[in-house]
Structures are given as structure tokens and as C-alpha cells.
Amino acid sequence: MTEIAVTGAAGRMGREVLAAAADREAIEVAFAVNRSPVDELISGVVIESSDNFAELLAEYEPDVVVDFTGPESALAYADACVEHGVALVTGTTGFDDDGLDALRAAAESTAVLKASNFSRGVAALRLAVQEATAALPDADIELTETHHNAKRDAPSGTAKTLLDDIEGVRDDLSERVHGREGEAPRSADEIGVHARRAGDIAGEHEVLLGGSNETLSLTHRAGDRSIFADGALDAAEWLAGREPGWYDFFEVIDDA
């Protein structure tokens, strides 16, 4: 049995994580917290105030914290995890360089697994994009991502990860151009990046590679946020009991 704590419990992903956990016999929710007060039970769980997070960690001693919140709160939760020796799985995006450095510093004292996306399909997309980028070394590359109208960061964390993957293969691509307006001829060293926000779209990512007389489009569409919650819980089960360190979702998939 893996005992987890859930942060941002009343948010879009927090609710999904609690719902997914309720369907798993091997996972038990020790407690869940939210920044603003919540009167309702969510998937049968009483939601506590995040102000009491450190005290709750000490009281319940969960194996893993599962976090989908914001960069500032995620770092505060990471500090508490370090203090109490609790592993952290986080799907929070939008960290700046200093924030990522702080999260990596936490991994020196406790197990941390950060992923911009916990979908196994997106993991497959990443591998396919790297292979296609290598096979088409002269192609122009454009990336488009689409999410719900309440998403805060743009481009998405998954889009940034895909861009890192592309640039890791193509060192001639050094400029990310976010949208275009007016006279904007394409340069050879750029990747076009486009972020769209509409409705309640869970997440779509497309990488377009255009060459001479041919184009290749690689696309992933998330039909429901539950796939991200399931992946995060897979990661939590895998991470429980691990030594301090920085872990990757590919390691979870490889061990499946």
C-alpha cells in the first residue's frame, strides 16, 4: 500500500488525482490540502488547509506527495517534503530557472520526480519527435499546443519539453519564435511556437516538420485529464521508498 498526500486538491488536477486514487486498491490518500477553504468532500476525502501542510506531513507520514499546483507553492511543498523525508511527485509547470534549481536541490535530500506530462502517449510522442527530428535534419519545425482557457503558463510545460527534445537533436535550431505578426520571414534557425487557449480542452500538442515536397505531423490529444492523474499515481507507487535523487517519468515506464 502506498500512502499519498495530495496538494491543490480542489483544482482540476487535484480532483482527478483523488478520483483516480479512489479506484486503486494499492493507494491510500493519507490527507489532501488546498489553499482556499473547501466545504465539500472530494472523492470521499476531507480537504485540509494547506497552511497545515507541514504538520499534516508529520502526523500522517505519507510515502509520497502528489503535487499539481503552481511554482511557488510547489517549492514550499518541496521544502516541507525535505524536512520530513517524504518523496515528491510533481506535475507543476511554469518554473523559472531558479525554481528548477531549487527543486533539484530538494532532490539531494529526498526523492523527487518531476514531469511536465504524465501521459504515456506523450512519452511516446517525445520519442517519436526525437527520431523524426534526427531523420529530417533540414526540416522546418513548428510546434502548436492547445489547452483550456484557464491554463496559466504559455507555452505549456509539455511544449517546452518537446522543444528541448528537438533542440537536443538539432543544435542548429537556436531561436524559439512565439507566434508571428506582420512581416515575419522564417529564419533557418528558428522553431515556431504557438499556444492556443479555448474551452475545456485537456491538452493537444502537434509537432509539424516541413521539408521539400513533404510534411510530417506528429500529434497527441488528451481526451480526459484522468490520464495525467493515472500516470502521476503510477509515478507515486514507483517512487515510494526510493533513495533521494532526481527521477524521470521514463524510468517509471521502463520498469512497467
Protein backbone atom coordinates (compact mmCIF):
# COMPACT_ATOMS: atom_id res chain seq x y z
CA MET A 1 0.00 0.00 0.00
CA THR A 2 1.34 3.43 -0.99
CA GLU A 3 0.10 6.32 1.11
CA ILE A 4 -0.05 9.67 -0.64
CA ALA A 5 -0.82 13.26 0.21
CA VAL A 6 -2.44 15.42 -2.47
CA THR A 7 -1.91 19.17 -2.83
CA GLY A 8 -4.18 21.55 -4.74
CA ALA A 9 -6.94 19.05 -4.01
CA ALA A 10 -9.80 21.26 -5.25
CA GLY A 11 -8.07 22.16 -8.51
CA ARG A 12 -8.60 20.50 -11.87
CA MET A 13 -5.80 18.00 -11.44
CA GLY A 14 -6.13 17.61 -7.68
CA ARG A 15 -9.70 16.36 -8.15
CA GLU A 16 -8.55 13.98 -10.88
CA VAL A 17 -5.81 12.56 -8.65
CA LEU A 18 -8.23 11.98 -5.77
CA ALA A 19 -10.76 10.31 -8.10
CA ALA A 20 -8.09 8.06 -9.60
CA ALA A 21 -6.71 7.17 -6.16
CA ALA A 22 -10.20 6.12 -5.01
CA ASP A 23 -10.21 3.47 -7.74
CA ARG A 24 -6.84 1.98 -6.79
CA GLU A 25 -6.59 -0.68 -4.12
CA ALA A 26 -2.83 -0.17 -3.79
CA ILE A 27 -3.09 3.56 -2.98
CA GLU A 28 -4.48 5.25 0.09
CA VAL A 29 -4.91 9.01 0.48
CA ALA A 30 -3.41 9.97 3.86
CA PHE A 31 -4.62 13.56 3.55
CA ALA A 32 -5.28 16.27 0.98
CA VAL A 33 -4.82 20.03 1.18
CA ASN A 34 -5.98 23.09 -0.70
CA ARG A 35 -5.01 26.75 -0.44
CA SER A 36 -8.57 28.09 -0.23
CA PRO A 37 -11.23 26.59 2.07
CA VAL A 38 -13.23 23.63 0.75
CA ASP A 39 -16.51 22.67 2.41
CA GLU A 40 -17.20 19.55 0.34
CA LEU A 41 -15.71 16.08 0.43
CA ILE A 42 -13.82 15.30 -2.76
CA SER A 43 -13.87 11.61 -3.68
CA GLY A 44 -14.67 10.92 -0.05
CA VAL A 45 -11.67 12.85 1.29
CA VAL A 46 -11.82 15.75 3.74
CA ILE A 47 -9.77 18.65 2.37
CA GLU A 48 -7.47 20.35 4.88
CA SER A 49 -5.92 23.82 4.71
CA SER A 50 -2.53 23.98 3.02
CA ASP A 51 -1.43 26.20 5.92
CA ASN A 52 -1.20 23.00 7.96
CA PHE A 53 0.73 21.01 5.36
CA ALA A 54 3.94 20.53 7.37
CA GLU A 55 2.04 19.47 10.49
CA LEU A 56 -0.03 17.01 8.45
CA LEU A 57 3.14 15.51 6.96
CA ALA A 58 4.48 14.95 10.46
CA GLU A 59 1.20 13.46 11.67
CA TYR A 60 0.35 11.11 8.79
CA GLU A 61 3.83 10.34 7.39
CA PRO A 62 2.73 9.59 3.80
CA ASP A 63 5.11 7.88 1.39
CA VAL A 64 4.71 10.41 -1.43
CA VAL A 65 3.21 13.86 -2.01
CA VAL A 66 1.48 14.30 -5.38
CA ASP A 67 1.51 17.93 -6.45
CA PHE A 68 -0.23 19.80 -9.26
CA THR A 69 -0.30 23.42 -8.10
CA GLY A 70 1.88 26.41 -9.03
CA PRO A 71 5.63 27.00 -8.95
CA GLU A 72 5.70 28.99 -5.71
CA SER A 73 3.51 26.60 -3.75
CA ALA A 74 5.21 23.54 -5.22
CA LEU A 75 8.58 24.76 -3.94
CA ALA A 76 7.10 25.35 -0.49
CA TYR A 77 5.71 21.81 -0.51
CA ALA A 78 9.10 20.50 -1.68
CA ASP A 79 10.82 22.19 1.27
CA ALA A 80 8.37 20.53 3.67
CA CYS A 81 8.96 17.17 1.98
CA VAL A 82 12.69 17.58 2.51
CA GLU A 83 12.18 18.45 6.18
CA HIS A 84 10.00 15.39 6.80
CA GLY A 85 11.71 12.92 4.46
CA VAL A 86 8.76 12.47 2.10
CA ALA A 87 9.11 11.81 -1.64
CA LEU A 88 7.56 14.25 -4.12
CA VAL A 89 5.87 13.69 -7.48
CA THR A 90 5.07 16.99 -9.17
CA GLY A 91 3.42 17.80 -12.46
CA THR A 92 3.54 21.53 -11.78
CA THR A 93 4.83 23.59 -14.70
CA GLY A 94 5.89 27.20 -15.16
CA PHE A 95 9.07 27.09 -13.06
CA ASP A 96 11.76 29.62 -13.92
CA ASP A 97 15.44 28.59 -13.85
CA ASP A 98 15.81 29.48 -10.17
CA GLY A 99 12.74 27.43 -9.32
CA LEU A 100 14.04 24.39 -11.17
CA ASP A 101 17.38 24.77 -9.40
CA ALA A 102 15.59 24.84 -6.05
CA LEU A 103 13.60 21.73 -6.94
CA ARG A 104 16.78 19.92 -7.98
CA ALA A 105 18.36 20.98 -4.70
CA ALA A 106 15.46 19.33 -2.87
CA ALA A 107 16.24 16.12 -4.75
CA GLU A 108 19.58 15.98 -2.95
CA SER A 109 17.68 15.23 0.26
CA THR A 110 14.55 13.37 -0.89
CA ALA A 111 13.25 11.55 -3.95
CA VAL A 112 11.76 13.97 -6.49
CA LEU A 113 10.08 13.03 -9.76
CA LYS A 114 9.08 15.98 -11.92
CA ALA A 115 7.35 15.61 -15.25
CA SER A 116 5.72 18.18 -17.48
CA ASN A 117 3.29 15.47 -18.58
CA PHE A 118 2.35 12.09 -17.06
CA SER A 119 0.71 10.68 -20.19
CA ARG A 120 2.32 7.56 -21.60
CA GLY A 121 1.15 8.73 -25.03
CA VAL A 122 3.10 11.97 -24.64
CA ALA A 123 6.15 9.94 -23.62
CA ALA A 124 5.77 8.01 -26.89
CA LEU A 125 5.33 11.32 -28.75
CA ARG A 126 8.60 12.61 -27.30
CA LEU A 127 10.48 9.57 -28.57
CA ALA A 128 8.83 9.84 -32.00
CA VAL A 129 9.65 13.56 -32.25
CA GLN A 130 13.30 12.94 -31.44
CA GLU A 131 13.52 10.20 -34.05
CA ALA A 132 11.71 12.26 -36.71
CA THR A 133 13.86 15.32 -35.99
CA ALA A 134 17.01 13.24 -36.49
CA ALA A 135 15.65 11.65 -39.69
CA LEU A 136 14.69 15.04 -41.19
CA PRO A 137 17.70 17.24 -40.36
CA ASP A 138 16.75 20.01 -42.81
CA ALA A 139 13.04 20.27 -41.98
CA ASP A 140 11.38 23.44 -40.73
CA ILE A 141 9.74 22.70 -37.39
CA GLU A 142 6.62 24.26 -35.87
CA LEU A 143 5.02 23.35 -32.55
CA THR A 144 1.41 24.11 -31.63
CA GLU A 145 -0.20 23.42 -28.27
CA THR A 146 -3.82 23.90 -27.21
CA HIS A 147 -5.25 23.91 -23.68
CA HIS A 148 -8.28 25.04 -21.68
CA ASN A 149 -8.94 28.72 -21.18
CA ALA A 150 -7.80 28.76 -17.54
CA LYS A 151 -4.27 27.47 -18.11
CA ARG A 152 -1.77 29.97 -16.75
CA ASP A 153 1.57 29.25 -18.40
CA ALA A 154 2.25 29.51 -22.12
CA PRO A 155 3.66 27.68 -23.86
CA SER A 156 2.78 24.60 -21.84
CA GLY A 157 5.36 22.66 -19.87
CA THR A 158 4.91 19.76 -22.28
CA ALA A 159 5.58 22.05 -25.23
CA LYS A 160 8.78 23.28 -23.59
CA THR A 161 9.86 19.69 -23.01
CA LEU A 162 9.24 18.87 -26.67
CA LEU A 163 11.21 21.95 -27.69
CA ASP A 164 14.10 20.81 -25.50
CA ASP A 165 13.92 17.38 -27.14
CA ILE A 166 14.04 18.92 -30.63
CA GLU A 167 16.93 21.23 -29.79
CA GLY A 168 18.78 18.31 -28.23
CA VAL A 169 18.81 16.66 -31.65
CA ARG A 170 19.09 19.76 -33.86
CA ASP A 171 21.79 22.07 -32.48
CA ASP A 172 21.27 24.38 -35.48
CA LEU A 173 17.89 25.44 -34.07
CA SER A 174 18.59 28.16 -31.53
CA GLU A 175 15.60 30.54 -31.65
CA ARG A 176 12.04 29.97 -30.45
CA VAL A 177 9.66 32.33 -32.23
CA HIS A 178 6.36 32.68 -30.40
CA GLY A 179 3.68 33.45 -32.97
CA ARG A 180 4.13 35.72 -35.94
CA GLU A 181 2.66 39.05 -36.94
CA GLY A 182 3.23 41.42 -39.80
CA GLU A 183 6.31 40.90 -41.96
CA ALA A 184 7.93 37.86 -40.38
CA PRO A 185 10.01 35.78 -42.80
CA ARG A 186 11.14 32.48 -41.36
CA SER A 187 14.81 32.10 -40.45
CA ALA A 188 16.66 28.81 -40.77
CA ASP A 189 17.49 28.55 -37.06
CA GLU A 190 14.00 29.04 -35.62
CA ILE A 191 11.26 26.84 -34.24
CA GLY A 192 7.81 28.35 -34.45
CA VAL A 193 5.83 28.04 -31.22
CA HIS A 194 2.09 28.65 -30.99
CA ALA A 195 -0.13 28.49 -27.88
CA ARG A 196 -3.94 28.38 -28.11
CA ARG A 197 -6.40 28.61 -25.22
CA ALA A 198 -10.08 27.67 -25.56
CA GLY A 199 -12.90 25.98 -23.69
CA ASP A 200 -12.05 22.98 -21.53
CA ILE A 201 -9.52 21.26 -23.82
CA ALA A 202 -7.41 18.88 -21.74
CA GLY A 203 -4.35 19.19 -23.94
CA GLU A 204 -3.21 18.88 -27.55
CA HIS A 205 0.35 19.02 -28.89
CA GLU A 206 1.39 18.91 -32.54
CA VAL A 207 4.89 18.97 -33.99
CA LEU A 208 4.98 19.78 -37.70
CA LEU A 209 8.11 19.03 -39.74
CA GLY A 210 8.13 20.53 -43.22
CA GLY A 211 10.68 19.69 -45.89
CA SER A 212 10.92 19.76 -49.65
CA ASN A 213 7.65 18.44 -51.08
CA GLU A 214 6.68 16.62 -47.87
CA THR A 215 5.40 17.28 -44.36
CA LEU A 216 5.19 15.12 -41.27
CA SER A 217 2.81 15.89 -38.41
CA LEU A 218 3.05 14.19 -35.00
CA THR A 219 0.12 14.86 -32.68
CA HIS A 220 -1.09 13.83 -29.23
CA ARG A 221 -4.57 14.68 -27.95
CA ALA A 222 -5.63 14.08 -24.38
CA GLY A 223 -9.29 13.14 -24.22
CA ASP A 224 -9.51 13.48 -20.44
CA ARG A 225 -7.28 14.68 -17.59
CA SER A 226 -7.59 11.29 -15.91
CA ILE A 227 -4.67 10.03 -18.00
CA PHE A 228 -2.39 12.53 -16.26
CA ALA A 229 -3.69 11.52 -12.83
CA ASP A 230 -3.17 7.83 -13.58
CA GLY A 231 0.38 8.50 -14.70
CA ALA A 232 1.12 10.55 -11.60
CA LEU A 233 -0.16 7.74 -9.38
CA ASP A 234 1.97 5.23 -11.31
CA ALA A 235 4.90 7.52 -10.58
CA ALA A 236 3.97 7.77 -6.89
CA GLU A 237 3.83 4.00 -6.48
CA TRP A 238 7.17 3.66 -8.26
CA LEU A 239 8.86 6.46 -6.30
CA ALA A 240 7.80 5.31 -2.81
CA GLY A 241 10.83 4.12 -0.87
CA ARG A 242 13.41 5.34 -3.40
CA GLU A 243 16.65 6.96 -2.34
CA PRO A 244 16.99 10.76 -2.64
CA GLY A 245 17.52 11.82 -6.23
CA TRP A 246 16.05 13.36 -9.35
CA TYR A 247 13.88 10.88 -11.23
CA ASP A 248 12.18 10.85 -14.64
CA PHE A 249 8.82 9.51 -15.82
CA PHE A 250 10.60 7.44 -18.48
CA GLU A 251 12.08 5.40 -15.61
CA VAL A 252 8.56 4.59 -14.41
CA ILE A 253 7.55 3.48 -17.89
CA ASP A 254 10.70 1.43 -18.41
CA ASP A 255 10.04 -0.51 -15.20
CA ALA A 256 6.43 -1.29 -16.12
